[in-house]
Structures are given as C-alpha cells and as structure tokens.
PDB file of all heavy atoms in Angstrom:
ATOM      1  N   SER A   1     -75.292  44.184 -50.026  1.00  0.00           N
ATOM      2  CA  SER A   1     -76.453  43.340 -49.784  1.00  0.00           C
ATOM      3  C   SER A   1     -76.865  43.379 -48.322  1.00  0.00           C
ATOM      4  O   SER A   1     -76.039  43.599 -47.429  1.00  0.00           O
ATOM      5  CB  SER A   1     -76.160  41.891 -50.173  1.00  0.00           C
ATOM      6  OG  SER A   1     -75.849  41.763 -51.546  1.00  0.00           O
ATOM      7  N   LEU A   2     -78.140  43.166 -48.093  1.00  0.00           N
ATOM      8  CA  LEU A   2     -78.696  43.004 -46.760  1.00  0.00           C
ATOM      9  C   LEU A   2     -79.794  41.962 -46.816  1.00  0.00           C
ATOM     10  O   LEU A   2     -80.451  41.806 -47.848  1.00  0.00           O
ATOM     11  CB  LEU A   2     -79.293  44.306 -46.225  1.00  0.00           C
ATOM     12  CG  LEU A   2     -78.375  45.407 -45.715  1.00  0.00           C
ATOM     13  CD1 LEU A   2     -79.208  46.645 -45.387  1.00  0.00           C
ATOM     14  CD2 LEU A   2     -77.603  44.941 -44.492  1.00  0.00           C
ATOM     15  N   ARG A   3     -79.993  41.267 -45.711  1.00  0.00           N
ATOM     16  CA  ARG A   3     -81.147  40.391 -45.579  1.00  0.00           C
ATOM     17  C   ARG A   3     -81.984  40.854 -44.410  1.00  0.00           C
ATOM     18  O   ARG A   3     -81.522  40.858 -43.263  1.00  0.00           O
ATOM     19  CB  ARG A   3     -80.743  38.930 -45.382  1.00  0.00           C
ATOM     20  CG  ARG A   3     -81.964  37.999 -45.449  1.00  0.00           C
ATOM     21  CD  ARG A   3     -81.621  36.539 -45.362  1.00  0.00           C
ATOM     22  NE  ARG A   3     -81.353  36.118 -43.993  1.00  0.00           N
ATOM     23  CZ  ARG A   3     -81.412  34.863 -43.573  1.00  0.00           C
ATOM     24  NH1 ARG A   3     -81.737  33.890 -44.433  1.00  0.00           N
ATOM     25  NH2 ARG A   3     -81.139  34.569 -42.323  1.00  0.00           N
ATOM     26  N   LEU A   4     -83.207  41.235 -44.702  1.00  0.00           N
ATOM     27  CA  LEU A   4     -84.144  41.635 -43.676  1.00  0.00           C
ATOM     28  C   LEU A   4     -84.935  40.427 -43.203  1.00  0.00           C
ATOM     29  O   LEU A   4     -85.271  39.546 -43.990  1.00  0.00           O
ATOM     30  CB  LEU A   4     -85.111  42.699 -44.198  1.00  0.00           C
ATOM     31  CG  LEU A   4     -84.491  43.957 -44.809  1.00  0.00           C
ATOM     32  CD1 LEU A   4     -85.590  44.938 -45.190  1.00  0.00           C
ATOM     33  CD2 LEU A   4     -83.493  44.592 -43.852  1.00  0.00           C
ATOM     34  N   SER A   5     -85.244  40.409 -41.919  1.00  0.00           N
ATOM     35  CA  SER A   5     -86.050  39.350 -41.340  1.00  0.00           C
ATOM     36  C   SER A   5     -87.290  39.938 -40.695  1.00  0.00           C
ATOM     37  O   SER A   5     -87.263  41.054 -40.175  1.00  0.00           O
ATOM     38  CB  SER A   5     -85.261  38.575 -40.278  1.00  0.00           C
ATOM     39  OG  SER A   5     -84.129  37.946 -40.841  1.00  0.00           O
ATOM     40  N   CYS A   6     -88.359  39.194 -40.726  1.00  0.00           N
ATOM     41  CA  CYS A   6     -89.611  39.575 -40.078  1.00  0.00           C
ATOM     42  C   CYS A   6     -90.071  38.388 -39.255  1.00  0.00           C
ATOM     43  O   CYS A   6     -90.550  37.387 -39.810  1.00  0.00           O
ATOM     44  CB  CYS A   6     -90.649  39.967 -41.126  1.00  0.00           C
ATOM     45  SG  CYS A   6     -92.313  40.222 -40.472  1.00  0.00           S
ATOM     46  N   ALA A   7     -89.906  38.485 -37.952  1.00  0.00           N
ATOM     47  CA  ALA A   7     -90.287  37.407 -37.050  1.00  0.00           C
ATOM     48  C   ALA A   7     -91.740  37.585 -36.622  1.00  0.00           C
ATOM     49  O   ALA A   7     -92.126  38.646 -36.139  1.00  0.00           O
ATOM     50  CB  ALA A   7     -89.377  37.389 -35.835  1.00  0.00           C
ATOM     51  N   ALA A   8     -92.527  36.544 -36.797  1.00  0.00           N
ATOM     52  CA  ALA A   8     -93.935  36.573 -36.442  1.00  0.00           C
ATOM     53  C   ALA A   8     -94.169  35.881 -35.105  1.00  0.00           C
ATOM     54  O   ALA A   8     -93.451  34.943 -34.742  1.00  0.00           O
ATOM     55  CB  ALA A   8     -94.781  35.905 -37.519  1.00  0.00           C
ATOM     56  N   SER A   9     -95.174  36.338 -34.381  1.00  0.00           N
ATOM     57  CA  SER A   9     -95.469  35.815 -33.054  1.00  0.00           C
ATOM     58  C   SER A   9     -96.278  34.528 -33.075  1.00  0.00           C
ATOM     59  O   SER A   9     -96.550  33.950 -32.021  1.00  0.00           O
ATOM     60  CB  SER A   9     -96.220  36.868 -32.230  1.00  0.00           C
ATOM     61  OG  SER A   9     -97.470  37.164 -32.825  1.00  0.00           O
ATOM     62  N   ARG A  10     -96.645  34.087 -34.233  1.00  0.00           N
ATOM     63  CA  ARG A  10     -97.431  32.879 -34.392  1.00  0.00           C
ATOM     64  C   ARG A  10     -97.050  32.197 -35.685  1.00  0.00           C
ATOM     65  O   ARG A  10     -96.298  32.742 -36.495  1.00  0.00           O
ATOM     66  CB  ARG A  10     -98.925  33.194 -34.389  1.00  0.00           C
ATOM     67  CG  ARG A  10     -99.327  34.309 -35.359  1.00  0.00           C
ATOM     68  CD  ARG A  10    -100.722  34.166 -35.876  1.00  0.00           C
ATOM     69  NE  ARG A  10    -100.804  33.154 -36.919  1.00  0.00           N
ATOM     70  CZ  ARG A  10    -101.902  32.855 -37.591  1.00  0.00           C
ATOM     71  NH1 ARG A  10    -103.047  33.471 -37.293  1.00  0.00           N
ATOM     72  NH2 ARG A  10    -101.883  31.935 -38.536  1.00  0.00           N
ATOM     73  N   SER A  11     -97.593  31.020 -35.889  1.00  0.00           N
ATOM     74  CA  SER A  11     -97.360  30.299 -37.129  1.00  0.00           C
ATOM     75  C   SER A  11     -97.808  31.122 -38.326  1.00  0.00           C
ATOM     76  O   SER A  11     -98.850  31.775 -38.287  1.00  0.00           O
ATOM     77  CB  SER A  11     -98.102  28.965 -37.109  1.00  0.00           C
ATOM     78  OG  SER A  11     -98.024  28.331 -38.363  1.00  0.00           O
ATOM     79  N   ILE A  12     -97.012  31.087 -39.376  1.00  0.00           N
ATOM     80  CA  ILE A  12     -97.371  31.808 -40.595  1.00  0.00           C
ATOM     81  C   ILE A  12     -97.817  30.855 -41.698  1.00  0.00           C
ATOM     82  O   ILE A  12     -98.045  31.290 -42.827  1.00  0.00           O
ATOM     83  CB  ILE A  12     -96.209  32.693 -41.096  1.00  0.00           C
ATOM     84  CG1 ILE A  12     -94.997  31.830 -41.475  1.00  0.00           C
ATOM     85  CG2 ILE A  12     -95.837  33.732 -40.048  1.00  0.00           C
ATOM     86  CD1 ILE A  12     -93.885  32.621 -42.160  1.00  0.00           C
ATOM     87  N   ASP A  13     -97.964  29.589 -41.352  1.00  0.00           N
ATOM     88  CA  ASP A  13     -98.335  28.580 -42.347  1.00  0.00           C
ATOM     89  C   ASP A  13     -99.597  28.945 -43.104  1.00  0.00           C
ATOM     90  O   ASP A  13     -99.688  28.730 -44.315  1.00  0.00           O
ATOM     91  CB  ASP A  13     -98.555  27.225 -41.673  1.00  0.00           C
ATOM     92  CG  ASP A  13     -97.307  26.642 -41.067  1.00  0.00           C
ATOM     93  OD1 ASP A  13     -96.299  27.362 -40.949  1.00  0.00           O
ATOM     94  OD2 ASP A  13     -97.343  25.450 -40.702  1.00  0.00           O
ATOM     95  N   SER A  14    -100.588  29.468 -42.388  1.00  0.00           N
ATOM     96  CA  SER A  14    -101.893  29.726 -42.975  1.00  0.00           C
ATOM     97  C   SER A  14    -102.104  31.172 -43.399  1.00  0.00           C
ATOM     98  O   SER A  14    -103.205  31.526 -43.828  1.00  0.00           O
ATOM     99  CB  SER A  14    -102.998  29.326 -41.996  1.00  0.00           C
ATOM    100  OG  SER A  14    -102.917  30.085 -40.806  1.00  0.00           O
ATOM    101  N   ILE A  15    -101.074  31.999 -43.274  1.00  0.00           N
ATOM    102  CA  ILE A  15    -101.196  33.389 -43.700  1.00  0.00           C
ATOM    103  C   ILE A  15    -101.033  33.440 -45.206  1.00  0.00           C
ATOM    104  O   ILE A  15     -99.952  33.170 -45.731  1.00  0.00           O
ATOM    105  CB  ILE A  15    -100.160  34.288 -43.007  1.00  0.00           C
ATOM    106  CG1 ILE A  15    -100.355  34.233 -41.491  1.00  0.00           C
ATOM    107  CG2 ILE A  15    -100.276  35.716 -43.518  1.00  0.00           C
ATOM    108  CD1 ILE A  15     -99.338  35.038 -40.714  1.00  0.00           C
ATOM    109  N   ASN A  16    -102.105  33.792 -45.886  1.00  0.00           N
ATOM    110  CA  ASN A  16    -102.110  33.708 -47.339  1.00  0.00           C
ATOM    111  C   ASN A  16    -101.081  34.618 -47.990  1.00  0.00           C
ATOM    112  O   ASN A  16    -100.375  34.200 -48.912  1.00  0.00           O
ATOM    113  CB  ASN A  16    -103.496  34.028 -47.892  1.00  0.00           C
ATOM    114  CG  ASN A  16    -103.564  33.854 -49.397  1.00  0.00           C
ATOM    115  OD1 ASN A  16    -103.389  32.751 -49.904  1.00  0.00           O
ATOM    116  ND2 ASN A  16    -103.815  34.946 -50.111  1.00  0.00           N
ATOM    117  N   THR A  17    -101.013  35.861 -47.514  1.00  0.00           N
ATOM    118  CA  THR A  17    -100.143  36.830 -48.153  1.00  0.00           C
ATOM    119  C   THR A  17     -99.294  37.562 -47.122  1.00  0.00           C
ATOM    120  O   THR A  17     -99.823  38.090 -46.148  1.00  0.00           O
ATOM    121  CB  THR A  17    -100.948  37.860 -48.955  1.00  0.00           C
ATOM    122  OG1 THR A  17    -101.749  37.180 -49.927  1.00  0.00           O
ATOM    123  CG2 THR A  17    -100.015  38.832 -49.672  1.00  0.00           C
ATOM    124  N   MET A  18     -98.006  37.587 -47.357  1.00  0.00           N
ATOM    125  CA  MET A  18     -97.104  38.399 -46.569  1.00  0.00           C
ATOM    126  C   MET A  18     -96.329  39.297 -47.522  1.00  0.00           C
ATOM    127  O   MET A  18     -96.047  38.913 -48.660  1.00  0.00           O
ATOM    128  CB  MET A  18     -96.158  37.546 -45.731  1.00  0.00           C
ATOM    129  CG  MET A  18     -96.891  36.649 -44.744  1.00  0.00           C
ATOM    130  SD  MET A  18     -95.811  35.890 -43.507  1.00  0.00           S
ATOM    131  CE  MET A  18     -95.446  37.319 -42.462  1.00  0.00           C
ATOM    132  N   THR A  19     -96.011  40.486 -47.050  1.00  0.00           N
ATOM    133  CA  THR A  19     -95.409  41.486 -47.925  1.00  0.00           C
ATOM    134  C   THR A  19     -94.288  42.244 -47.238  1.00  0.00           C
ATOM    135  O   THR A  19     -94.196  42.303 -46.010  1.00  0.00           O
ATOM    136  CB  THR A  19     -96.446  42.520 -48.400  1.00  0.00           C
ATOM    137  OG1 THR A  19     -96.918  43.283 -47.280  1.00  0.00           O
ATOM    138  CG2 THR A  19     -97.623  41.855 -49.090  1.00  0.00           C
ATOM    139  N   TRP A  20     -93.449  42.817 -48.065  1.00  0.00           N
ATOM    140  CA  TRP A  20     -92.513  43.850 -47.660  1.00  0.00           C
ATOM    141  C   TRP A  20     -92.886  45.125 -48.401  1.00  0.00           C
ATOM    142  O   TRP A  20     -93.109  45.101 -49.612  1.00  0.00           O
ATOM    143  CB  TRP A  20     -91.070  43.485 -47.993  1.00  0.00           C
ATOM    144  CG  TRP A  20     -90.473  42.448 -47.105  1.00  0.00           C
ATOM    145  CD1 TRP A  20     -90.339  41.116 -47.358  1.00  0.00           C
ATOM    146  CD2 TRP A  20     -89.897  42.671 -45.809  1.00  0.00           C
ATOM    147  NE1 TRP A  20     -89.725  40.485 -46.312  1.00  0.00           N
ATOM    148  CE2 TRP A  20     -89.442  41.418 -45.342  1.00  0.00           C
ATOM    149  CE3 TRP A  20     -89.724  43.796 -45.006  1.00  0.00           C
ATOM    150  CZ2 TRP A  20     -88.825  41.265 -44.102  1.00  0.00           C
ATOM    151  CZ3 TRP A  20     -89.113  43.643 -43.768  1.00  0.00           C
ATOM    152  CH2 TRP A  20     -88.669  42.387 -43.334  1.00  0.00           C
ATOM    153  N   SER A  21     -92.954  46.211 -47.658  1.00  0.00           N
ATOM    154  CA  SER A  21     -93.174  47.527 -48.224  1.00  0.00           C
ATOM    155  C   SER A  21     -92.095  48.455 -47.702  1.00  0.00           C
ATOM    156  O   SER A  21     -91.383  48.121 -46.753  1.00  0.00           O
ATOM    157  CB  SER A  21     -94.562  48.061 -47.855  1.00  0.00           C
ATOM    158  OG  SER A  21     -95.584  47.214 -48.347  1.00  0.00           O
ATOM    159  N   ARG A  22     -91.973  49.612 -48.315  1.00  0.00           N
ATOM    160  CA  ARG A  22     -90.989  50.580 -47.838  1.00  0.00           C
ATOM    161  C   ARG A  22     -91.527  51.988 -47.988  1.00  0.00           C
ATOM    162  O   ARG A  22     -92.392  52.260 -48.818  1.00  0.00           O
ATOM    163  CB  ARG A  22     -89.659  50.440 -48.584  1.00  0.00           C
ATOM    164  CG  ARG A  22     -89.725  50.805 -50.058  1.00  0.00           C
ATOM    165  CD  ARG A  22     -88.420  50.468 -50.745  1.00  0.00           C
ATOM    166  NE  ARG A  22     -88.416  50.844 -52.141  1.00  0.00           N
ATOM    167  CZ  ARG A  22     -87.448  50.549 -52.999  1.00  0.00           C
ATOM    168  NH1 ARG A  22     -86.395  49.848 -52.589  1.00  0.00           N
ATOM    169  NH2 ARG A  22     -87.532  50.939 -54.267  1.00  0.00           N
ATOM    170  N   GLN A  23     -90.984  52.870 -47.172  1.00  0.00           N
ATOM    171  CA  GLN A  23     -91.369  54.263 -47.223  1.00  0.00           C
ATOM    172  C   GLN A  23     -90.120  55.124 -47.083  1.00  0.00           C
ATOM    173  O   GLN A  23     -89.453  55.096 -46.049  1.00  0.00           O
ATOM    174  CB  GLN A  23     -92.378  54.613 -46.134  1.00  0.00           C
ATOM    175  CG  GLN A  23     -92.951  56.006 -46.270  1.00  0.00           C
ATOM    176  CD  GLN A  23     -94.212  56.195 -45.446  1.00  0.00           C
ATOM    177  OE1 GLN A  23     -94.429  55.495 -44.464  1.00  0.00           O
ATOM    178  NE2 GLN A  23     -95.042  57.125 -45.855  1.00  0.00           N
ATOM    179  N   ALA A  24     -89.817  55.859 -48.138  1.00  0.00           N
ATOM    180  CA  ALA A  24     -88.700  56.789 -48.139  1.00  0.00           C
ATOM    181  C   ALA A  24     -89.184  58.155 -47.669  1.00  0.00           C
ATOM    182  O   ALA A  24     -90.378  58.456 -47.740  1.00  0.00           O
ATOM    183  CB  ALA A  24     -88.099  56.879 -49.533  1.00  0.00           C
ATOM    184  N   PRO A  25     -88.274  58.995 -47.194  1.00  0.00           N
ATOM    185  CA  PRO A  25     -88.670  60.333 -46.737  1.00  0.00           C
ATOM    186  C   PRO A  25     -89.432  61.092 -47.811  1.00  0.00           C
ATOM    187  O   PRO A  25     -88.996  61.186 -48.952  1.00  0.00           O
ATOM    188  CB  PRO A  25     -87.338  61.004 -46.426  1.00  0.00           C
ATOM    189  CG  PRO A  25     -86.421  59.877 -46.083  1.00  0.00           C
ATOM    190  CD  PRO A  25     -86.828  58.760 -46.999  1.00  0.00           C
ATOM    191  N   GLY A  26     -90.582  61.633 -47.440  1.00  0.00           N
ATOM    192  CA  GLY A  26     -91.388  62.411 -48.357  1.00  0.00           C
ATOM    193  C   GLY A  26     -92.128  61.605 -49.406  1.00  0.00           C
ATOM    194  O   GLY A  26     -92.734  62.200 -50.303  1.00  0.00           O
TER     195      GLY A  26
END
C-alpha cells in the first residue's frame, strides 16, 4: 500500500473537482 498526497497552495474548499491520473511508460 501507498498513500499519495497532493498539497495545494490555496484553499481547496471551493474547487469543484479534483482528480488523480496516471501515466505509465508508452
């Protein structure tokens, strides 16, 4: 298991959508 974190430079209260995406080689 791993837990990834994404720290934002501002409040995220009003950000409607946040996502995680990934890109594998090729």
